[in-house]
N, C-alpha and C. Protein backbone atom coordinates (compact mmCIF):
# COMPACT_ATOMS: atom_id res chain seq x y z
N MET A 1 6.78 7.75 -25.26
CA MET A 1 6.60 8.50 -24.04
C MET A 1 7.79 9.44 -23.82
N PHE A 2 9.02 8.92 -23.84
CA PHE A 2 10.23 9.73 -23.68
C PHE A 2 11.43 8.87 -24.05
N THR A 3 12.58 9.50 -24.08
CA THR A 3 13.81 8.77 -24.42
C THR A 3 14.81 8.93 -23.28
N LEU A 4 15.72 7.98 -23.22
CA LEU A 4 16.78 8.00 -22.21
C LEU A 4 18.12 8.05 -22.92
N ASP A 5 19.11 8.64 -22.28
CA ASP A 5 20.45 8.77 -22.85
C ASP A 5 21.33 7.65 -22.30
N THR A 6 21.54 6.62 -23.12
CA THR A 6 22.33 5.47 -22.68
C THR A 6 23.82 5.80 -22.55
N ARG A 7 24.23 6.93 -23.08
CA ARG A 7 25.64 7.32 -22.98
C ARG A 7 25.92 8.24 -21.79
N SER A 8 24.87 8.64 -21.11
CA SER A 8 25.01 9.54 -19.97
C SER A 8 25.69 8.83 -18.80
N ARG A 9 26.33 9.62 -17.95
CA ARG A 9 26.92 9.07 -16.73
C ARG A 9 25.85 8.80 -15.68
N VAL A 10 24.67 9.41 -15.86
CA VAL A 10 23.56 9.22 -14.92
C VAL A 10 22.97 7.84 -15.20
N PRO A 11 22.84 7.01 -14.17
CA PRO A 11 22.27 5.67 -14.38
C PRO A 11 20.89 5.74 -15.02
N ILE A 12 20.59 4.76 -15.83
CA ILE A 12 19.34 4.75 -16.58
C ILE A 12 18.13 4.78 -15.64
N TYR A 13 18.19 4.04 -14.52
CA TYR A 13 17.04 4.04 -13.63
C TYR A 13 16.80 5.43 -13.04
N GLU A 14 17.87 6.21 -12.80
CA GLU A 14 17.71 7.57 -12.28
C GLU A 14 17.14 8.49 -13.35
N GLN A 15 17.58 8.31 -14.60
CA GLN A 15 17.01 9.09 -15.70
C GLN A 15 15.52 8.81 -15.82
N LEU A 16 15.15 7.54 -15.72
CA LEU A 16 13.75 7.15 -15.80
C LEU A 16 12.96 7.78 -14.65
N MET A 17 13.50 7.73 -13.45
CA MET A 17 12.83 8.34 -12.30
C MET A 17 12.63 9.84 -12.53
N ASP A 18 13.66 10.52 -13.01
CA ASP A 18 13.57 11.96 -13.25
C ASP A 18 12.51 12.28 -14.31
N LYS A 19 12.47 11.49 -15.37
CA LYS A 19 11.47 11.71 -16.44
C LYS A 19 10.06 11.51 -15.90
N LEU A 20 9.86 10.45 -15.12
CA LEU A 20 8.52 10.19 -14.58
C LEU A 20 8.12 11.27 -13.58
N LYS A 21 9.06 11.72 -12.74
CA LYS A 21 8.75 12.80 -11.80
C LYS A 21 8.36 14.07 -12.55
N THR A 22 9.08 14.37 -13.63
CA THR A 22 8.77 15.55 -14.43
C THR A 22 7.37 15.44 -15.02
N LEU A 23 7.03 14.27 -15.54
CA LEU A 23 5.68 14.07 -16.08
C LEU A 23 4.61 14.25 -15.00
N MET A 24 4.92 13.82 -13.79
CA MET A 24 3.97 13.99 -12.68
C MET A 24 3.85 15.46 -12.29
N MET A 25 4.97 16.16 -12.21
CA MET A 25 4.96 17.56 -11.79
C MET A 25 4.23 18.44 -12.80
N HIS A 26 4.32 18.08 -14.07
CA HIS A 26 3.63 18.85 -15.11
C HIS A 26 2.24 18.29 -15.40
N GLU A 27 1.82 17.36 -14.57
CA GLU A 27 0.49 16.73 -14.63
C GLU A 27 0.20 16.08 -15.98
N VAL A 28 1.23 15.62 -16.66
CA VAL A 28 1.02 14.74 -17.81
C VAL A 28 0.55 13.40 -17.26
N LEU A 29 1.19 12.98 -16.16
CA LEU A 29 0.71 11.84 -15.39
C LEU A 29 0.03 12.41 -14.16
N LYS A 30 -1.27 12.17 -14.05
CA LYS A 30 -2.06 12.72 -12.95
C LYS A 30 -2.21 11.69 -11.83
N GLN A 31 -2.66 12.16 -10.67
CA GLN A 31 -2.89 11.28 -9.54
C GLN A 31 -3.81 10.13 -9.95
N GLU A 32 -3.45 8.95 -9.51
CA GLU A 32 -4.18 7.71 -9.77
C GLU A 32 -4.03 7.18 -11.20
N ASP A 33 -3.27 7.86 -12.07
CA ASP A 33 -3.01 7.32 -13.42
C ASP A 33 -2.14 6.08 -13.29
N GLN A 34 -2.41 5.10 -14.13
CA GLN A 34 -1.61 3.88 -14.12
C GLN A 34 -0.36 4.08 -14.97
N LEU A 35 0.77 3.66 -14.44
CA LEU A 35 2.02 3.72 -15.18
C LEU A 35 2.10 2.54 -16.13
N PRO A 36 2.90 2.66 -17.18
CA PRO A 36 3.07 1.51 -18.08
C PRO A 36 3.64 0.32 -17.30
N SER A 37 3.29 -0.87 -17.72
CA SER A 37 3.82 -2.05 -17.06
C SER A 37 5.34 -2.11 -17.26
N VAL A 38 6.00 -2.80 -16.35
CA VAL A 38 7.45 -2.95 -16.43
C VAL A 38 7.84 -3.55 -17.78
N ARG A 39 7.15 -4.60 -18.16
CA ARG A 39 7.46 -5.29 -19.42
C ARG A 39 7.26 -4.39 -20.63
N SER A 40 6.13 -3.69 -20.71
CA SER A 40 5.86 -2.85 -21.89
C SER A 40 6.82 -1.67 -21.97
N LEU A 41 7.14 -1.06 -20.82
CA LEU A 41 8.08 0.07 -20.83
C LEU A 41 9.49 -0.40 -21.19
N ALA A 42 9.87 -1.58 -20.71
CA ALA A 42 11.18 -2.14 -21.05
C ALA A 42 11.29 -2.38 -22.55
N GLN A 43 10.22 -2.88 -23.15
CA GLN A 43 10.22 -3.10 -24.60
C GLN A 43 10.27 -1.78 -25.36
N GLU A 44 9.47 -0.81 -24.90
CA GLU A 44 9.41 0.49 -25.57
C GLU A 44 10.76 1.20 -25.53
N LEU A 45 11.43 1.14 -24.38
CA LEU A 45 12.71 1.84 -24.21
C LEU A 45 13.91 0.96 -24.54
N THR A 46 13.65 -0.29 -24.83
CA THR A 46 14.69 -1.31 -25.10
C THR A 46 15.76 -1.34 -24.00
N ILE A 47 15.28 -1.47 -22.77
CA ILE A 47 16.19 -1.63 -21.63
C ILE A 47 15.71 -2.80 -20.79
N ASN A 48 16.57 -3.24 -19.90
CA ASN A 48 16.29 -4.39 -19.06
C ASN A 48 15.11 -4.12 -18.12
N PRO A 49 14.16 -5.03 -18.02
CA PRO A 49 13.03 -4.84 -17.11
C PRO A 49 13.44 -4.62 -15.66
N ASN A 50 14.58 -5.19 -15.25
CA ASN A 50 15.06 -4.97 -13.88
C ASN A 50 15.36 -3.49 -13.61
N THR A 51 15.78 -2.77 -14.65
CA THR A 51 16.06 -1.34 -14.53
C THR A 51 14.77 -0.58 -14.28
N ILE A 52 13.72 -0.94 -15.01
CA ILE A 52 12.41 -0.32 -14.82
C ILE A 52 11.92 -0.61 -13.41
N GLN A 53 12.05 -1.88 -13.01
CA GLN A 53 11.60 -2.29 -11.68
C GLN A 53 12.31 -1.51 -10.58
N LYS A 54 13.61 -1.28 -10.75
CA LYS A 54 14.37 -0.53 -9.76
C LYS A 54 13.87 0.92 -9.67
N ALA A 55 13.61 1.53 -10.82
CA ALA A 55 13.10 2.90 -10.84
C ALA A 55 11.74 2.97 -10.16
N TYR A 56 10.86 2.04 -10.48
CA TYR A 56 9.53 2.01 -9.87
C TYR A 56 9.63 1.80 -8.35
N ARG A 57 10.53 0.92 -7.93
CA ARG A 57 10.72 0.64 -6.52
C ARG A 57 11.17 1.90 -5.77
N GLU A 58 12.11 2.64 -6.37
CA GLU A 58 12.61 3.87 -5.76
C GLU A 58 11.53 4.96 -5.74
N LEU A 59 10.77 5.07 -6.81
CA LEU A 59 9.68 6.05 -6.85
C LEU A 59 8.63 5.73 -5.78
N GLU A 60 8.40 4.44 -5.57
CA GLU A 60 7.45 4.04 -4.54
C GLU A 60 8.00 4.37 -3.15
N ARG A 61 9.28 4.11 -2.96
CA ARG A 61 9.92 4.41 -1.67
C ARG A 61 9.85 5.90 -1.37
N GLU A 62 9.98 6.73 -2.40
CA GLU A 62 9.94 8.19 -2.23
C GLU A 62 8.51 8.73 -2.15
N GLY A 63 7.51 7.87 -2.39
CA GLY A 63 6.12 8.29 -2.26
C GLY A 63 5.48 8.86 -3.51
N PHE A 64 6.16 8.74 -4.66
CA PHE A 64 5.61 9.26 -5.91
C PHE A 64 4.58 8.32 -6.53
N ILE A 65 4.76 7.02 -6.30
CA ILE A 65 3.84 6.04 -6.87
C ILE A 65 3.51 4.99 -5.80
N TYR A 66 2.51 4.18 -6.09
CA TYR A 66 2.20 3.03 -5.25
C TYR A 66 1.85 1.88 -6.17
N SER A 67 2.00 0.67 -5.67
CA SER A 67 1.75 -0.53 -6.47
C SER A 67 0.64 -1.35 -5.84
N ILE A 68 -0.13 -1.97 -6.71
CA ILE A 68 -1.15 -2.93 -6.29
C ILE A 68 -0.80 -4.24 -6.98
N PRO A 69 -0.48 -5.28 -6.18
CA PRO A 69 -0.10 -6.56 -6.78
C PRO A 69 -1.16 -7.06 -7.77
N GLY A 70 -0.70 -7.43 -8.95
CA GLY A 70 -1.58 -7.94 -9.98
C GLY A 70 -2.27 -6.87 -10.80
N LYS A 71 -2.17 -5.61 -10.38
CA LYS A 71 -2.84 -4.50 -11.09
C LYS A 71 -1.84 -3.55 -11.74
N GLY A 72 -0.72 -3.29 -11.05
CA GLY A 72 0.28 -2.39 -11.60
C GLY A 72 0.67 -1.29 -10.65
N SER A 73 1.33 -0.28 -11.21
CA SER A 73 1.80 0.87 -10.44
C SER A 73 1.01 2.11 -10.86
N PHE A 74 0.75 2.97 -9.87
CA PHE A 74 -0.10 4.14 -10.08
C PHE A 74 0.54 5.37 -9.47
N VAL A 75 0.22 6.55 -10.02
CA VAL A 75 0.70 7.81 -9.47
C VAL A 75 0.01 8.03 -8.13
N ALA A 76 0.81 8.27 -7.11
CA ALA A 76 0.28 8.44 -5.75
C ALA A 76 -0.40 9.79 -5.61
N PRO A 77 -1.45 9.85 -4.79
CA PRO A 77 -2.06 11.14 -4.49
C PRO A 77 -1.06 12.02 -3.76
N PHE A 78 -1.12 13.30 -4.00
CA PHE A 78 -0.23 14.26 -3.36
C PHE A 78 -0.60 14.40 -1.90
N GLN A 79 0.38 14.19 -1.02
CA GLN A 79 0.13 14.30 0.42
C GLN A 79 1.23 15.16 1.03
N ILE A 80 0.84 16.32 1.53
CA ILE A 80 1.82 17.25 2.09
C ILE A 80 2.58 16.62 3.26
N ASP A 81 1.87 16.00 4.20
CA ASP A 81 2.52 15.44 5.38
C ASP A 81 3.53 14.35 5.03
N ALA A 82 3.18 13.50 4.08
CA ALA A 82 4.06 12.39 3.71
C ALA A 82 5.33 12.86 3.03
N ASN A 83 5.33 14.07 2.51
CA ASN A 83 6.48 14.56 1.75
C ASN A 83 7.31 15.59 2.50
N LYS A 84 7.03 15.83 3.78
CA LYS A 84 7.74 16.87 4.53
C LYS A 84 9.24 16.61 4.62
N GLU A 85 9.63 15.38 4.89
CA GLU A 85 11.04 15.06 5.03
C GLU A 85 11.78 15.31 3.71
N ARG A 86 11.20 14.85 2.62
CA ARG A 86 11.80 15.05 1.29
C ARG A 86 11.85 16.54 0.96
N LEU A 87 10.80 17.27 1.30
CA LEU A 87 10.75 18.70 1.04
C LEU A 87 11.86 19.43 1.80
N GLU A 88 12.08 19.08 3.05
CA GLU A 88 13.15 19.71 3.84
C GLU A 88 14.51 19.42 3.23
N MET A 89 14.72 18.19 2.79
CA MET A 89 15.99 17.83 2.17
C MET A 89 16.21 18.65 0.88
N LEU A 90 15.16 18.79 0.07
CA LEU A 90 15.28 19.56 -1.17
C LEU A 90 15.54 21.04 -0.89
N LYS A 91 14.93 21.57 0.17
CA LYS A 91 15.17 22.98 0.54
C LYS A 91 16.63 23.19 0.92
N LYS A 92 17.21 22.25 1.66
CA LYS A 92 18.62 22.36 2.04
C LYS A 92 19.52 22.29 0.81
N ASP A 93 19.19 21.38 -0.11
CA ASP A 93 19.96 21.28 -1.36
C ASP A 93 19.86 22.58 -2.16
N LEU A 94 18.65 23.13 -2.23
CA LEU A 94 18.44 24.37 -2.97
C LEU A 94 19.21 25.52 -2.35
N GLU A 95 19.24 25.57 -1.04
CA GLU A 95 19.99 26.62 -0.35
C GLU A 95 21.48 26.55 -0.71
N LYS A 96 22.03 25.33 -0.76
CA LYS A 96 23.44 25.16 -1.14
C LYS A 96 23.67 25.63 -2.58
N ILE A 97 22.76 25.27 -3.46
CA ILE A 97 22.90 25.64 -4.88
C ILE A 97 22.82 27.15 -5.04
N ILE A 98 21.85 27.78 -4.38
CA ILE A 98 21.70 29.24 -4.48
C ILE A 98 22.94 29.93 -3.92
N SER A 99 23.46 29.45 -2.81
CA SER A 99 24.68 30.03 -2.24
C SER A 99 25.84 29.95 -3.22
N GLU A 100 25.95 28.83 -3.91
CA GLU A 100 27.02 28.67 -4.89
C GLU A 100 26.82 29.61 -6.08
N ILE A 101 25.58 29.76 -6.54
CA ILE A 101 25.29 30.69 -7.65
C ILE A 101 25.70 32.11 -7.26
N LEU A 102 25.33 32.52 -6.05
CA LEU A 102 25.68 33.86 -5.58
C LEU A 102 27.20 34.02 -5.44
N PHE A 103 27.87 32.99 -4.93
CA PHE A 103 29.32 33.01 -4.78
C PHE A 103 30.02 33.16 -6.13
N LEU A 104 29.46 32.52 -7.16
CA LEU A 104 30.07 32.55 -8.49
C LEU A 104 29.70 33.80 -9.29
N GLY A 105 28.94 34.71 -8.67
CA GLY A 105 28.65 35.98 -9.34
C GLY A 105 27.23 36.14 -9.83
N GLY A 106 26.40 35.16 -9.62
CA GLY A 106 24.99 35.31 -9.99
C GLY A 106 24.32 36.30 -9.07
N SER A 107 23.21 36.86 -9.53
CA SER A 107 22.51 37.85 -8.70
C SER A 107 21.20 37.26 -8.16
N LYS A 108 20.72 37.90 -7.09
CA LYS A 108 19.45 37.48 -6.52
C LYS A 108 18.32 37.66 -7.54
N GLU A 109 18.42 38.72 -8.33
CA GLU A 109 17.40 38.98 -9.35
C GLU A 109 17.35 37.85 -10.38
N GLU A 110 18.52 37.34 -10.77
CA GLU A 110 18.56 36.22 -11.72
C GLU A 110 17.90 34.98 -11.13
N ILE A 111 18.16 34.75 -9.86
CA ILE A 111 17.58 33.57 -9.19
C ILE A 111 16.06 33.73 -9.09
N ILE A 112 15.61 34.93 -8.72
CA ILE A 112 14.17 35.18 -8.63
C ILE A 112 13.51 35.02 -9.99
N HIS A 113 14.16 35.53 -11.03
CA HIS A 113 13.63 35.39 -12.39
C HIS A 113 13.55 33.91 -12.78
N LEU A 114 14.58 33.17 -12.43
CA LEU A 114 14.60 31.74 -12.74
C LEU A 114 13.46 31.02 -12.03
N VAL A 115 13.28 31.30 -10.75
CA VAL A 115 12.20 30.67 -9.99
C VAL A 115 10.84 31.03 -10.59
N ASN A 116 10.66 32.29 -10.94
CA ASN A 116 9.38 32.72 -11.52
C ASN A 116 9.12 32.11 -12.90
N SER A 117 10.19 31.73 -13.60
CA SER A 117 10.02 31.18 -14.95
C SER A 117 9.74 29.68 -14.95
N ILE A 118 9.91 29.03 -13.81
CA ILE A 118 9.67 27.59 -13.72
C ILE A 118 8.18 27.34 -13.76
N LYS A 119 7.78 26.50 -14.69
CA LYS A 119 6.36 26.21 -14.85
C LYS A 119 6.06 24.82 -14.33
N VAL A 120 5.44 24.79 -13.16
CA VAL A 120 5.04 23.55 -12.53
C VAL A 120 3.55 23.68 -12.24
N ALA A 121 2.85 22.61 -12.41
CA ALA A 121 1.41 22.64 -12.14
C ALA A 121 1.16 23.11 -10.72
N GLU A 122 0.31 24.11 -10.58
CA GLU A 122 -0.06 24.61 -9.25
C GLU A 122 -0.99 23.62 -8.60
N ARG A 123 -0.77 23.36 -7.35
CA ARG A 123 -1.62 22.45 -6.58
C ARG A 123 -2.55 23.30 -5.72
N GLU A 124 -3.83 22.99 -5.77
CA GLU A 124 -4.82 23.75 -5.01
C GLU A 124 -4.54 23.70 -3.52
N ASP A 125 -4.03 22.56 -3.04
CA ASP A 125 -3.84 22.39 -1.61
C ASP A 125 -2.44 22.79 -1.15
N SER A 126 -1.63 23.40 -2.03
CA SER A 126 -0.30 23.82 -1.61
C SER A 126 -0.39 25.12 -0.84
N GLN A 127 0.69 25.43 -0.12
CA GLN A 127 0.67 26.58 0.77
C GLN A 127 0.73 27.87 0.01
């Protein structure tokens, strides 16, 4: 499915979360798709199952996935209202990053080009 960098300063559970979010954003993992079980993913990636569990727990807390006891974890349906708080936080973070890019000599045109080059699955119900 993917690989993780065990030498990175980024904790493994965060790397796993980022990889799964990327797969969801590019619709490799679609709404209602079942995620690999904690045990099978831990074996595949050769990491502790508790690490997988922590990543799944955080993804669930953020609204990216949901769990059904005895069945597993699934990609959550996209809900605009449920994600407003997270969206506002990301917009503030993006504003800080763009300000820093401009301060360091980047141009608005470069930022616009970068935004236009990002390929994320378009959602029919997005604004």
